[in-house]
Amino acid sequence: MKEKDIEKARNASIIELLDKIGVPYENVGNKHRMICIKHDEYKPSLTLFEDGVFCFGCQYHNDIIGFTMDLLGIKRAHVLGHSMG
């Protein structure tokens, strides 16, 4: 995998990725939140940022590549394909 491909994946939109794979999230003002993938909860606490995610409940955080790996349970090479389109 070339460095430019990795950089393209890092710059992909988390929101576009979630829309593409059908993962629900909610809009709260100008922010986006979803149920955290790392712990049980009823009220969304995982906040989606352009460069990654942060959970205010359990402190989980990651960039788009790591988040996609955790979300889908897939390896890095597959993540790069998902986030690049």
Protein backbone atom coordinates (compact mmCIF):
# COMPACT_ATOMS: atom_id res chain seq x y z
CA MET A 1 0.00 0.00 0.00
CA LYS A 2 1.41 3.34 -1.02
CA GLU A 3 1.69 6.22 1.42
CA LYS A 4 -0.61 8.37 -0.75
CA ASP A 5 -3.32 5.67 -0.50
CA ILE A 6 -2.99 5.60 3.28
CA GLU A 7 -3.19 9.40 3.41
CA LYS A 8 -6.30 9.35 1.18
CA ALA A 9 -7.95 6.87 3.56
CA ARG A 10 -7.05 9.02 6.58
CA ASN A 11 -8.67 12.03 4.93
CA ALA A 12 -11.90 10.21 4.07
CA SER A 13 -15.12 11.36 5.72
CA ILE A 14 -16.31 9.25 8.65
CA ILE A 15 -19.89 10.37 7.93
CA GLU A 16 -19.67 9.31 4.28
CA LEU A 17 -18.23 5.96 5.37
CA LEU A 18 -21.05 5.36 7.87
CA ASP A 19 -23.63 6.31 5.24
CA LYS A 20 -21.99 3.97 2.73
CA ILE A 21 -22.08 0.96 5.03
CA GLY A 22 -25.43 1.81 6.66
CA VAL A 23 -24.37 2.49 10.25
CA PRO A 24 -26.85 4.80 12.04
CA TYR A 25 -25.80 8.02 13.75
CA GLU A 26 -27.62 11.15 14.86
CA ASN A 27 -27.08 14.83 14.20
CA VAL A 28 -26.88 16.99 17.30
CA GLY A 29 -26.45 20.60 16.28
CA ASN A 30 -23.37 20.66 14.08
CA LYS A 31 -22.03 17.41 15.57
CA HIS A 32 -22.68 13.75 14.85
CA ARG A 33 -22.99 11.04 17.50
CA MET A 34 -23.63 7.32 17.60
CA ILE A 35 -23.80 4.47 20.09
CA CYS A 36 -20.27 3.58 21.15
CA ILE A 37 -18.91 0.37 19.64
CA LYS A 38 -16.85 -0.36 22.77
CA HIS A 39 -19.48 -0.44 25.54
CA ASP A 40 -23.21 -0.87 26.11
CA GLU A 41 -25.21 2.32 26.27
CA TYR A 42 -28.63 3.73 25.45
CA LYS A 43 -27.70 7.34 24.77
CA PRO A 44 -25.08 7.97 22.06
CA SER A 45 -21.77 9.16 23.48
CA LEU A 46 -19.40 8.45 20.58
CA THR A 47 -18.79 11.80 18.88
CA LEU A 48 -17.70 11.75 15.25
CA PHE A 49 -15.09 14.29 14.16
CA GLU A 50 -13.55 14.83 10.73
CA ASP A 51 -10.28 13.23 11.82
CA GLY A 52 -11.57 10.54 14.19
CA VAL A 53 -13.93 9.60 16.99
CA PHE A 54 -14.08 10.10 20.76
CA CYS A 55 -16.41 8.51 23.32
CA PHE A 56 -17.22 10.67 26.31
CA GLY A 57 -18.50 7.56 28.14
CA CYS A 58 -15.51 5.21 28.00
CA GLN A 59 -12.80 7.49 26.55
CA TYR A 60 -12.40 5.33 23.40
CA HIS A 61 -10.76 7.29 20.60
CA ASN A 62 -9.33 6.50 17.19
CA ASP A 63 -8.68 7.86 13.72
CA ILE A 64 -10.83 6.80 10.75
CA ILE A 65 -8.64 3.79 9.95
CA GLY A 66 -8.58 2.42 13.50
CA PHE A 67 -12.29 3.18 14.01
CA THR A 68 -13.23 1.35 10.81
CA MET A 69 -11.10 -1.63 11.86
CA ASP A 70 -12.88 -1.75 15.22
CA LEU A 71 -16.33 -1.15 13.74
CA LEU A 72 -16.12 -3.80 11.03
CA GLY A 73 -13.62 -6.16 12.64
CA ILE A 74 -11.42 -6.14 9.57
CA LYS A 75 -7.73 -5.78 8.83
CA ARG A 76 -5.94 -2.60 7.79
CA ALA A 77 -5.76 -3.39 4.05
CA HIS A 78 -9.53 -3.84 3.90
CA VAL A 79 -10.11 -0.59 5.79
CA LEU A 80 -8.14 1.34 3.23
CA GLY A 81 -10.42 -0.01 0.50
CA HIS A 82 -13.61 0.87 2.43
CA SER A 83 -12.63 4.41 3.31
CA MET A 84 -11.25 5.30 -0.11
CA GLY A 85 -14.48 4.44 -1.91
